[in-house]
Amino acid sequence: MRKALIAAIAALAVAIVAAPAASAIDKVKTGKLRKGVTVDGVLEHARALQDIAIANDGTRAATTAGYDASVQYVANRLRRAGYRVTLDPFDFPTWELNGPSTFQRTDVEPDVTYAEGTDYIVAQFSGSGDVSGPIFVAGNTVIPPPGGAGTSVSGCAPADFAGIPSGAIALIQRGTCPFTQKYQNALDAGAAAALIFNDGFPDREAPIPTTAPTTNDIPAAMISNDIGEALAAPGATARIVVDATTTPNEEMNVIADSPKGDKDRTVVVGAHLDSVPEGPGINDNGSGSSGILEIAEQIAKLDQKPRNRLRFAFWGAEESGLVGSTAYVNEQVENGTDDQIEANLNFDMIGSPNFVRFVYDGDLSDSAPPPSGAPAGSAQIEQLFNRYFDRQGLAYEPTAFDGRSDYGPFITNGIAAGGLFTGAEVEKSAEQEDVFGGVTGLPFDPCYHQACDTFFNLNHEALDQMSDAAAHATWTLARSKSALTDAKSAKKAKKSKRGKAWRYKGGLVVR
């Protein structure tokens, strides 16, 4: 099997780049922990999250009773395992659409009125308003964007909105950076309303549910690819009417610290606990939450203690724009305790049914850098995962290190990060099927952000392999005497634009 796998990778022209002379991470024996971390243990927690969703209208989204019950389940398990558990509050308002909205193209005769739910979807946390104005195209909206689905950079930079006229409606293409970032840039530039259109690749043409910043006070919506292309025409004008209410509210992250370990070298191991409103979210991200909960419980049973403090974090409201993790990192920065965090490991979807073993591209050798760059140490974390998979004889691919999950706020603030991902809505290629199995042309997770993302949506093989890899990286960083970077590199971490590590070069998949 191993020889066949290596041959398949070689046939795909996968190359190896020379390694640095030495790794900044010590070799740590992790076999005992990995033996304790079982797929049955992970599935026990996933099944519990499924039961919680069933008892609470089929969802575990932030602000719902299902999310509250998920918080209590995780917190109780961690307390029983001996961790110091804190429910970390953050502001997360509730939002309600008070009635039907209106969206029209107005520069043609007669006006074209679009259907809500089919042609467009009002973004969660959209502001209210009745806006008529010219369409302003934000940045480069090449259709389709070069490089494939999810690669458009339209609206990701404030410069994309330079020269926007007063009262204009910003038109933005989906891709690369979080939806909330695109909406926020439009809001900051003075747009009167903001529209994000899908990028037109297969299964990415219709509008999808999106989230605007919780402080958003202008109408915001996601529109279909076809309508976005039409409105990009010179001279286009539109009208959008939204009546919605945002109400202040508080939500919780679950933070659990190991009783022992150097607090000045804290390793934050995170996964988001919330689902989308449409379903129970057992792969996205019950899989990551269940995986790190199982790892935390098994570490508590070891006869060794972590040398560096472990902090297991279960983030809230990730699906609404990384709200919980952003609030947490901002709080650490304000308190001056962010320097205590040596690294963040992020596990968001590790049980996709049509999976690929993706590793975040911390050395940026296969993807464009995020706006903040890749903090020093991120390349070493990628190297840690890659070397583990090499030893196991398992193929892997890099995936974009673009900040589109809860590690985003960490790298924005100069904290090294890395993690694993098994894929979302993007379709598997024939080359990936040759290496990883599965089915060409189907999404990595056909139930992504849908009601069918249940306990039965999980791939047990993926869960087993990825939870072991996560356990290996977690315990290695917890026990390593050596820091990820030397003192000189650490001082430059927030200015670092690129790390260096050896890796396989493979295809790139962007969420």
Protein backbone atom coordinates (compact mmCIF):
# COMPACT_ATOMS: atom_id res chain seq x y z
CA MET A 1 0.00 0.00 0.00
CA ARG A 2 2.76 2.42 0.94
CA LYS A 3 4.71 1.74 -2.27
CA ALA A 4 1.58 2.24 -4.36
CA LEU A 5 0.86 5.51 -2.59
CA ILE A 6 4.37 6.80 -3.14
CA ALA A 7 4.17 5.84 -6.80
CA ALA A 8 0.88 7.67 -7.20
CA ILE A 9 2.32 10.80 -5.66
CA ALA A 10 5.39 10.59 -7.89
CA ALA A 11 3.15 10.27 -10.94
CA LEU A 12 1.55 13.56 -9.98
CA ALA A 13 4.95 15.27 -10.09
CA VAL A 14 5.00 15.84 -6.37
CA ALA A 15 8.41 17.18 -5.41
CA ILE A 16 10.35 17.39 -2.20
CA VAL A 17 12.15 20.60 -1.29
CA ALA A 18 15.28 20.38 0.86
CA ALA A 19 14.69 20.67 4.58
CA PRO A 20 16.30 23.26 6.80
CA ALA A 21 19.32 22.03 8.68
CA ALA A 22 17.37 21.73 11.92
CA SER A 23 13.78 22.00 13.13
CA ALA A 24 12.83 24.39 15.91
CA ILE A 25 10.59 21.70 17.40
CA ASP A 26 11.97 18.86 19.52
CA LYS A 27 11.14 15.25 18.70
CA VAL A 28 8.55 14.03 21.18
CA LYS A 29 7.18 10.52 21.64
CA THR A 30 3.45 10.67 21.02
CA GLY A 31 2.58 7.02 20.46
CA LYS A 32 0.93 6.49 23.84
CA LEU A 33 -1.34 9.49 23.35
CA ARG A 34 -2.23 8.50 19.80
CA LYS A 35 -3.09 5.00 20.99
CA GLY A 36 -5.43 6.53 23.56
CA VAL A 37 -7.08 8.84 21.02
CA THR A 38 -9.50 6.54 19.19
CA VAL A 39 -12.09 7.13 16.52
CA ASP A 40 -14.67 5.66 18.91
CA GLY A 41 -13.72 8.30 21.45
CA VAL A 42 -14.14 11.07 18.87
CA LEU A 43 -17.45 9.61 17.72
CA GLU A 44 -18.76 9.52 21.30
CA HIS A 45 -18.57 13.30 21.40
CA ALA A 46 -19.89 13.72 17.85
CA ARG A 47 -22.89 11.56 18.75
CA ALA A 48 -23.53 13.70 21.83
CA LEU A 49 -23.49 16.86 19.70
CA GLN A 50 -25.90 15.21 17.28
CA ASP A 51 -28.26 14.37 20.16
CA ILE A 52 -28.06 17.97 21.35
CA ALA A 53 -29.06 19.20 17.88
CA ILE A 54 -31.96 16.75 17.66
CA ALA A 55 -33.26 18.04 21.00
CA ASN A 56 -32.96 21.67 19.88
CA ASP A 57 -34.64 22.14 16.51
CA GLY A 58 -31.84 20.46 14.55
CA THR A 59 -29.18 23.13 15.04
CA ARG A 60 -26.31 24.18 17.29
CA ALA A 61 -25.88 27.68 15.86
CA ALA A 62 -24.70 30.50 18.11
CA THR A 63 -27.52 32.15 20.11
CA THR A 64 -29.61 28.94 20.05
CA ALA A 65 -30.38 26.52 22.87
CA GLY A 66 -28.42 23.91 20.89
CA TYR A 67 -25.26 25.99 21.15
CA ASP A 68 -25.79 26.60 24.86
CA ALA A 69 -26.18 22.85 25.44
CA SER A 70 -23.01 22.18 23.39
CA VAL A 71 -21.10 24.63 25.60
CA GLN A 72 -22.30 22.88 28.75
CA TYR A 73 -21.45 19.42 27.40
CA VAL A 74 -17.89 20.37 26.47
CA ALA A 75 -17.31 22.36 29.68
CA ASN A 76 -18.54 19.50 31.88
CA ARG A 77 -16.35 16.91 30.14
CA LEU A 78 -13.28 19.13 30.48
CA ARG A 79 -13.93 19.87 34.16
CA ARG A 80 -14.24 16.15 34.88
CA ALA A 81 -10.90 15.62 33.12
CA GLY A 82 -9.23 18.10 35.49
CA TYR A 83 -8.90 21.20 33.31
CA ARG A 84 -9.42 24.75 34.55
CA VAL A 85 -12.48 25.73 32.55
CA THR A 86 -13.64 29.27 31.85
CA LEU A 87 -16.70 30.35 29.92
CA ASP A 88 -15.29 33.32 28.06
CA PRO A 89 -18.02 35.86 27.14
CA PHE A 90 -18.07 37.94 23.99
CA ASP A 91 -20.60 40.27 22.42
CA PHE A 92 -22.68 38.58 19.77
CA PRO A 93 -25.99 40.25 18.95
CA THR A 94 -29.06 38.43 17.71
CA TRP A 95 -30.52 39.42 14.35
CA GLU A 96 -33.98 39.17 12.85
CA LEU A 97 -35.33 39.96 9.39
CA ASN A 98 -38.64 41.64 10.11
CA GLY A 99 -40.28 41.04 6.75
CA PRO A 100 -39.70 40.54 3.03
CA SER A 101 -36.95 42.58 1.41
CA THR A 102 -36.73 44.10 -2.07
CA PHE A 103 -33.91 44.00 -4.60
CA GLN A 104 -34.19 45.48 -8.11
CA ARG A 105 -32.08 46.53 -11.06
CA THR A 106 -33.25 50.02 -11.98
CA ASP A 107 -31.26 51.14 -15.03
CA VAL A 108 -33.39 49.07 -17.43
CA GLU A 109 -37.03 49.39 -18.55
CA PRO A 110 -38.95 48.00 -16.81
CA ASP A 111 -37.10 47.51 -13.53
CA VAL A 112 -36.00 43.91 -12.92
CA THR A 113 -37.24 42.62 -9.56
CA TYR A 114 -35.28 39.70 -8.12
CA ALA A 115 -36.64 36.85 -6.00
CA GLU A 116 -35.51 36.67 -2.38
CA GLY A 117 -34.10 33.26 -1.51
CA THR A 118 -33.50 32.38 -5.15
CA ASP A 119 -31.70 35.35 -6.68
CA TYR A 120 -30.43 36.88 -3.45
CA ILE A 121 -30.25 36.29 0.31
CA VAL A 122 -30.06 39.08 2.86
CA ALA A 123 -26.90 38.68 4.95
CA GLN A 124 -27.19 37.97 8.65
CA PHE A 125 -26.58 41.25 10.52
CA SER A 126 -27.51 43.31 7.49
CA GLY A 127 -28.55 46.79 8.46
CA SER A 128 -31.92 48.27 7.55
CA GLY A 129 -32.46 50.80 4.80
CA ASP A 130 -33.97 51.73 1.44
CA VAL A 131 -31.03 52.40 -0.87
CA SER A 132 -31.07 53.36 -4.54
CA GLY A 133 -27.83 54.18 -6.29
CA PRO A 134 -25.15 53.37 -8.84
CA ILE A 135 -23.29 50.09 -8.75
CA PHE A 136 -19.61 50.38 -7.80
CA VAL A 137 -17.50 47.34 -8.74
CA ALA A 138 -14.94 46.64 -5.99
CA GLY A 139 -11.52 45.69 -7.30
CA ASN A 140 -10.85 43.02 -9.91
CA THR A 141 -13.94 40.88 -10.61
CA VAL A 142 -12.63 38.77 -13.46
CA ILE A 143 -15.31 36.20 -14.26
CA PRO A 144 -14.46 33.49 -13.44
CA PRO A 145 -11.58 34.54 -11.18
CA PRO A 146 -8.18 33.25 -12.26
CA GLY A 147 -6.94 30.21 -10.36
CA GLY A 148 -10.29 28.61 -9.67
CA ALA A 149 -13.16 28.83 -7.23
CA GLY A 150 -12.59 30.97 -4.21
CA THR A 151 -9.57 32.86 -5.57
CA SER A 152 -11.04 36.29 -6.33
CA VAL A 153 -9.56 39.05 -4.18
CA SER A 154 -12.37 41.52 -4.91
CA GLY A 155 -13.15 43.59 -1.83
CA CYS A 156 -10.40 42.12 0.35
CA ALA A 157 -8.41 45.36 0.44
CA PRO A 158 -9.63 48.87 1.35
CA ALA A 159 -8.03 50.08 -1.89
CA ASP A 160 -10.66 48.12 -3.84
CA PHE A 161 -13.18 50.78 -2.81
CA ALA A 162 -11.09 53.83 -3.68
CA GLY A 163 -13.21 56.44 -5.41
CA ILE A 164 -16.59 54.97 -4.51
CA PRO A 165 -19.24 57.67 -5.04
CA SER A 166 -21.53 58.81 -2.25
CA GLY A 167 -24.68 56.68 -2.13
CA ALA A 168 -23.20 53.87 -4.25
CA ILE A 169 -23.93 50.18 -3.85
CA ALA A 170 -20.71 48.14 -3.66
CA LEU A 171 -20.61 45.02 -5.84
CA ILE A 172 -18.03 42.47 -4.63
CA GLN A 173 -17.05 39.03 -5.89
CA ARG A 174 -16.78 36.05 -3.54
CA GLY A 175 -13.32 34.66 -2.76
CA THR A 176 -10.10 34.56 -0.71
CA CYS A 177 -10.95 36.59 2.41
CA PRO A 178 -13.94 36.28 4.80
CA PHE A 179 -17.28 37.71 3.74
CA THR A 180 -17.29 39.89 6.84
CA GLN A 181 -14.00 41.47 5.76
CA LYS A 182 -15.45 42.37 2.37
CA TYR A 183 -18.57 43.86 3.95
CA GLN A 184 -16.51 45.76 6.52
CA ASN A 185 -14.27 47.28 3.85
CA ALA A 186 -17.35 48.44 1.94
CA LEU A 187 -18.84 49.90 5.12
CA ASP A 188 -15.60 51.69 6.02
CA ALA A 189 -15.38 53.16 2.50
CA GLY A 190 -18.82 54.74 2.83
CA ALA A 191 -20.87 52.38 0.64
CA ALA A 192 -24.62 52.81 1.08
CA ALA A 193 -25.19 49.05 0.59
CA ALA A 194 -23.04 46.01 -0.23
CA LEU A 195 -23.66 43.00 -2.47
CA ILE A 196 -21.42 39.91 -2.77
CA PHE A 197 -21.98 37.73 -5.82
CA ASN A 198 -21.01 34.09 -6.18
CA ASP A 199 -18.09 33.27 -8.46
CA GLY A 200 -19.86 31.09 -11.04
CA PHE A 201 -17.90 27.89 -10.72
CA PRO A 202 -19.91 24.62 -10.62
CA ASP A 203 -22.13 24.56 -7.52
CA ARG A 204 -21.10 28.15 -6.75
CA GLU A 205 -23.56 30.10 -8.86
CA ALA A 206 -26.60 30.56 -6.61
CA PRO A 207 -26.56 32.92 -3.62
CA ILE A 208 -25.58 31.42 -0.28
CA PRO A 209 -26.19 32.53 3.33
CA THR A 210 -23.56 35.06 4.41
CA THR A 211 -22.82 37.13 7.49
CA ALA A 212 -22.04 40.82 7.71
CA PRO A 213 -20.16 42.36 10.66
CA THR A 214 -22.35 42.54 13.76
CA THR A 215 -21.91 46.32 13.76
CA ASN A 216 -23.06 46.62 10.15
CA ASP A 217 -25.64 49.38 9.56
CA ILE A 218 -26.11 49.22 5.77
CA PRO A 219 -28.13 46.72 3.71
CA ALA A 220 -26.01 43.70 2.81
CA ALA A 221 -26.85 40.68 0.67
CA MET A 222 -25.42 37.74 -1.27
CA ILE A 223 -26.55 37.54 -4.90
CA SER A 224 -26.23 34.93 -7.63
CA ASN A 225 -23.37 34.85 -10.09
CA ASP A 226 -25.61 35.69 -13.06
CA ILE A 227 -27.05 38.79 -11.40
CA GLY A 228 -23.60 39.86 -10.24
CA GLU A 229 -22.27 39.65 -13.78
CA ALA A 230 -25.21 41.66 -15.09
CA LEU A 231 -24.84 44.40 -12.46
CA ALA A 232 -21.12 44.71 -13.22
CA ALA A 233 -22.06 46.35 -16.54
CA PRO A 234 -21.19 50.04 -16.86
CA GLY A 235 -24.02 52.33 -15.80
CA ALA A 236 -25.94 49.76 -13.77
CA THR A 237 -28.05 51.00 -10.89
CA ALA A 238 -30.02 49.13 -8.26
CA ARG A 239 -32.36 49.41 -5.29
CA ILE A 240 -32.29 47.30 -2.14
CA VAL A 241 -34.70 47.54 0.79
CA VAL A 242 -34.11 45.66 4.05
CA ASP A 243 -36.00 45.80 7.36
CA ALA A 244 -34.03 44.01 10.08
CA THR A 245 -33.31 44.32 13.78
CA THR A 246 -30.06 43.62 15.62
CA THR A 247 -30.31 43.13 19.39
CA PRO A 248 -27.34 43.09 21.82
CA ASN A 249 -26.51 39.65 23.21
CA GLU A 250 -23.64 37.75 24.86
CA GLU A 251 -22.21 34.38 23.82
CA MET A 252 -19.47 32.13 25.19
CA ASN A 253 -16.23 30.48 24.14
CA VAL A 254 -15.14 27.50 26.23
CA ILE A 255 -11.53 27.86 27.39
CA ALA A 256 -9.80 25.01 29.25
CA ASP A 257 -6.25 25.28 30.63
CA SER A 258 -4.05 22.40 31.69
CA PRO A 259 -3.20 22.61 35.42
CA LYS A 260 0.52 22.38 34.61
CA GLY A 261 2.75 23.97 32.00
CA ASP A 262 4.69 27.16 31.31
CA LYS A 263 2.11 29.90 30.83
CA ASP A 264 4.62 31.95 28.83
CA ARG A 265 4.63 29.26 26.16
CA THR A 266 0.91 28.57 25.89
CA VAL A 267 -0.27 26.39 22.99
CA VAL A 268 -3.88 27.17 22.05
CA VAL A 269 -5.60 24.17 20.44
CA GLY A 270 -8.87 25.35 18.92
CA ALA A 271 -11.98 24.31 17.02
CA HIS A 272 -15.27 26.09 16.57
CA LEU A 273 -18.23 24.63 18.43
CA ASP A 274 -21.13 26.30 16.62
CA SER A 275 -22.97 25.06 13.54
CA VAL A 276 -24.78 27.01 10.85
CA PRO A 277 -28.52 27.54 11.52
CA GLU A 278 -29.41 25.12 8.71
CA GLY A 279 -28.20 21.98 10.47
CA PRO A 280 -26.40 20.25 13.34
CA GLY A 281 -22.92 20.82 11.88
CA ILE A 282 -21.42 17.50 12.90
CA ASN A 283 -18.58 17.67 10.39
CA ASP A 284 -18.51 21.48 10.40
CA ASN A 285 -17.37 21.60 13.08
CA GLY A 286 -18.48 18.90 15.44
CA SER A 287 -15.61 16.86 14.02
CA GLY A 288 -12.89 19.29 15.07
CA SER A 289 -14.52 19.96 18.44
CA SER A 290 -14.94 16.25 19.12
CA GLY A 291 -11.37 15.58 18.04
CA ILE A 292 -9.72 18.09 20.36
CA LEU A 293 -12.05 17.14 23.23
CA GLU A 294 -10.95 13.52 22.88
CA ILE A 295 -7.30 14.66 22.75
CA ALA A 296 -7.76 16.77 25.90
CA GLU A 297 -9.33 13.87 27.80
CA GLN A 298 -6.60 11.43 26.77
CA ILE A 299 -3.80 13.87 27.67
CA ALA A 300 -5.31 14.11 31.16
CA LYS A 301 -4.82 10.33 31.51
CA LEU A 302 -1.11 10.36 30.61
CA ASP A 303 1.59 9.85 33.23
CA GLN A 304 3.37 12.92 31.79
CA LYS A 305 2.39 16.55 32.18
CA PRO A 306 2.78 19.22 29.49
CA ARG A 307 5.96 21.27 29.72
CA ASN A 308 4.12 24.18 28.07
CA ARG A 309 0.59 25.14 29.06
CA LEU A 310 -2.12 23.67 26.88
CA ARG A 311 -5.24 25.71 26.30
CA PHE A 312 -8.12 23.97 24.57
CA ALA A 313 -10.49 26.50 23.02
CA PHE A 314 -13.96 25.87 21.65
CA TRP A 315 -14.92 28.97 19.71
CA GLY A 316 -18.40 30.41 19.35
CA ALA A 317 -19.95 32.17 16.35
CA GLU A 318 -17.25 31.14 13.87
CA GLU A 319 -19.95 30.71 11.26
CA SER A 320 -20.87 34.36 11.70
CA GLY A 321 -17.40 35.66 10.94
CA LEU A 322 -14.85 34.27 13.46
CA VAL A 323 -16.56 36.34 16.16
CA GLY A 324 -15.60 34.34 19.25
CA SER A 325 -11.97 33.73 18.35
CA THR A 326 -11.52 37.34 17.25
CA ALA A 327 -12.92 38.62 20.55
CA TYR A 328 -10.61 36.27 22.45
CA VAL A 329 -7.45 37.33 20.59
CA ASN A 330 -8.38 41.01 20.85
CA GLU A 331 -8.79 40.57 24.60
CA GLN A 332 -5.36 38.93 24.86
CA VAL A 333 -3.80 41.81 22.91
CA GLU A 334 -5.53 44.42 25.08
CA ASN A 335 -4.37 42.66 28.26
CA GLY A 336 -0.82 42.23 26.96
CA THR A 337 -1.02 38.44 27.31
CA ASP A 338 -0.86 37.62 23.61
CA ASP A 339 2.94 37.28 23.96
CA GLN A 340 2.31 34.25 26.17
CA ILE A 341 0.79 32.36 23.22
CA GLU A 342 3.45 30.46 21.33
CA ALA A 343 1.15 28.87 18.75
CA ASN A 344 -2.40 28.17 17.71
CA LEU A 345 -3.46 24.84 16.22
CA ASN A 346 -6.78 24.94 14.37
CA PHE A 347 -8.98 21.97 13.44
CA ASP A 348 -12.01 22.96 11.37
CA MET A 349 -13.62 19.97 9.58
CA ILE A 350 -11.57 16.78 9.97
CA GLY A 351 -14.17 14.19 8.95
CA SER A 352 -15.31 15.17 5.44
CA PRO A 353 -16.87 12.20 3.60
CA ASN A 354 -14.94 12.73 0.34
CA PHE A 355 -11.83 13.88 2.15
CA VAL A 356 -8.32 14.99 1.36
CA ARG A 357 -5.68 15.37 4.07
CA PHE A 358 -5.02 19.10 3.87
CA VAL A 359 -2.34 20.92 5.89
CA TYR A 360 -2.41 24.71 6.22
CA ASP A 361 0.31 26.22 4.02
CA GLY A 362 2.27 27.95 6.78
CA ASP A 363 5.38 28.50 4.67
CA LEU A 364 3.31 30.02 1.84
CA SER A 365 5.12 27.93 -0.76
CA ASP A 366 1.86 27.00 -2.47
CA SER A 367 -0.49 29.92 -1.83
CA ALA A 368 -0.73 33.68 -1.72
CA PRO A 369 0.09 35.25 1.65
CA PRO A 370 -2.71 36.53 3.86
CA PRO A 371 -2.75 40.33 4.35
CA SER A 372 -0.87 39.99 7.64
CA GLY A 373 1.68 37.53 6.28
CA ALA A 374 2.58 34.21 7.88
CA PRO A 375 4.01 34.71 11.38
CA ALA A 376 7.35 33.12 12.19
CA GLY A 377 6.80 29.58 13.42
CA SER A 378 3.88 28.83 11.09
CA ALA A 379 6.20 27.10 8.63
CA GLN A 380 7.54 24.89 11.41
CA ILE A 381 3.99 23.87 12.36
CA GLU A 382 3.27 22.90 8.76
CA GLN A 383 6.54 20.95 8.74
CA LEU A 384 5.49 19.16 11.94
CA PHE A 385 2.31 17.85 10.31
CA ASN A 386 4.01 17.00 7.03
CA ARG A 387 6.72 14.96 8.69
CA TYR A 388 4.13 13.10 10.74
CA PHE A 389 2.20 12.13 7.61
CA ASP A 390 5.45 11.12 5.89
CA ARG A 391 6.23 8.73 8.72
CA GLN A 392 2.75 7.25 8.49
CA GLY A 393 3.04 6.82 4.71
CA LEU A 394 0.03 9.07 4.15
CA ALA A 395 -0.26 11.60 1.32
CA TYR A 396 -1.27 15.19 2.04
CA GLU A 397 -1.72 18.51 0.26
CA PRO A 398 -1.29 22.13 1.28
CA THR A 399 -4.36 24.29 1.64
CA ALA A 400 -4.50 28.07 1.67
CA PHE A 401 -3.24 29.83 4.78
CA ASP A 402 -5.68 32.69 4.22
CA GLY A 403 -7.16 33.20 7.68
CA ARG A 404 -10.62 31.92 6.78
CA SER A 405 -11.03 29.97 10.00
CA ASP A 406 -10.39 30.68 13.67
CA TYR A 407 -6.61 30.81 13.28
CA GLY A 408 -7.16 34.05 11.30
CA PRO A 409 -7.17 36.43 14.30
CA PHE A 410 -4.01 34.76 15.62
CA ILE A 411 -1.94 35.24 12.48
CA THR A 412 -3.28 38.78 12.11
CA ASN A 413 -1.68 39.50 15.48
CA GLY A 414 1.64 37.80 14.71
CA ILE A 415 0.99 34.47 16.46
CA ALA A 416 2.21 31.31 14.71
CA ALA A 417 -0.55 28.98 13.59
CA GLY A 418 -1.29 25.84 11.63
CA GLY A 419 -3.72 22.99 11.42
CA LEU A 420 -5.64 20.44 9.38
CA PHE A 421 -8.70 20.43 7.12
CA THR A 422 -10.44 17.71 5.10
CA GLY A 423 -12.33 19.92 2.65
CA ALA A 424 -15.69 21.65 2.27
CA GLU A 425 -17.75 22.54 -0.80
CA VAL A 426 -15.02 22.42 -3.47
CA GLU A 427 -15.15 19.40 -5.78
CA LYS A 428 -12.49 16.69 -5.68
CA SER A 429 -10.23 16.50 -8.73
CA ALA A 430 -9.30 13.35 -10.62
CA GLU A 431 -5.71 13.77 -9.41
CA GLN A 432 -6.89 13.92 -5.82
CA GLU A 433 -9.00 10.80 -6.30
CA ASP A 434 -5.93 8.97 -7.59
CA VAL A 435 -4.05 9.77 -4.39
CA PHE A 436 -6.72 9.96 -1.68
CA GLY A 437 -9.57 7.87 -3.08
CA GLY A 438 -13.12 9.13 -3.02
CA VAL A 439 -15.12 10.42 -5.98
CA THR A 440 -14.02 12.92 -8.62
CA GLY A 441 -16.46 15.76 -9.21
CA LEU A 442 -18.21 15.52 -5.83
CA PRO A 443 -17.56 18.08 -3.10
CA PHE A 444 -15.26 17.08 -0.29
CA ASP A 445 -18.34 17.50 1.91
CA PRO A 446 -21.60 17.35 -0.09
CA CYS A 447 -23.50 18.31 3.10
CA TYR A 448 -21.43 21.43 3.81
CA HIS A 449 -23.64 24.00 5.58
CA GLN A 450 -26.74 21.87 5.08
CA ALA A 451 -29.22 19.97 7.26
CA CYS A 452 -27.64 16.67 6.15
CA ASP A 453 -24.39 17.46 8.00
CA THR A 454 -25.25 14.88 10.66
CA PHE A 455 -23.44 12.14 12.55
CA PHE A 456 -23.82 9.96 9.45
CA ASN A 457 -21.94 12.51 7.33
CA LEU A 458 -18.59 11.70 8.97
CA ASN A 459 -15.83 9.68 7.34
CA HIS A 460 -14.38 7.49 10.11
CA GLU A 461 -11.08 6.92 8.30
CA ALA A 462 -10.51 10.67 8.02
CA LEU A 463 -11.46 11.20 11.67
CA ASP A 464 -9.06 8.50 12.79
CA GLN A 465 -6.09 9.74 10.76
CA MET A 466 -6.59 13.44 11.37
CA SER A 467 -7.27 13.13 15.11
CA ASP A 468 -4.04 11.15 15.46
CA ALA A 469 -2.15 13.84 13.53
CA ALA A 470 -3.74 16.52 15.70
CA ALA A 471 -2.78 14.61 18.85
CA HIS A 472 0.80 14.26 17.63
CA ALA A 473 1.17 17.99 16.93
CA THR A 474 -0.56 19.00 20.17
CA TRP A 475 1.61 16.83 22.41
CA THR A 476 4.80 17.66 20.50
CA LEU A 477 4.29 21.39 21.06
CA ALA A 478 3.22 20.78 24.64
CA ARG A 479 6.40 18.85 25.48
CA SER A 480 8.97 20.59 23.26
CA LYS A 481 11.81 22.30 25.12
CA SER A 482 12.70 24.37 22.08
CA ALA A 483 10.56 27.31 21.08
CA LEU A 484 9.13 27.48 17.57
CA THR A 485 11.42 30.39 16.83
CA ASP A 486 14.57 31.74 18.42
CA ALA A 487 14.45 35.00 20.35
CA LYS A 488 15.45 37.07 17.33
CA SER A 489 12.74 35.52 15.15
CA ALA A 490 10.16 35.93 17.89
CA LYS A 491 10.78 39.66 18.04
CA LYS A 492 10.17 39.85 14.31
CA ALA A 493 7.14 37.55 14.30
CA LYS A 494 4.55 40.24 13.71
CA LYS A 495 6.49 41.55 10.71
CA SER A 496 7.30 38.17 9.20
CA LYS A 497 5.96 37.60 5.71
CA ARG A 498 7.26 34.11 5.06
CA GLY A 499 8.52 31.09 6.91
CA LYS A 500 10.67 28.29 5.52
CA ALA A 501 10.03 24.57 5.74
CA TRP A 502 10.31 21.51 3.52
CA ARG A 503 7.17 19.99 2.15
CA TYR A 504 5.53 18.12 -0.67
CA LYS A 505 4.25 20.44 -3.36
CA GLY A 506 0.74 19.62 -4.42
CA GLY A 507 -2.51 21.16 -5.54
CA LEU A 508 -4.12 23.98 -3.62
CA VAL A 509 -7.71 23.97 -2.40
CA VAL A 510 -9.28 27.12 -0.98
CA ARG A 511 -12.34 27.09 1.24
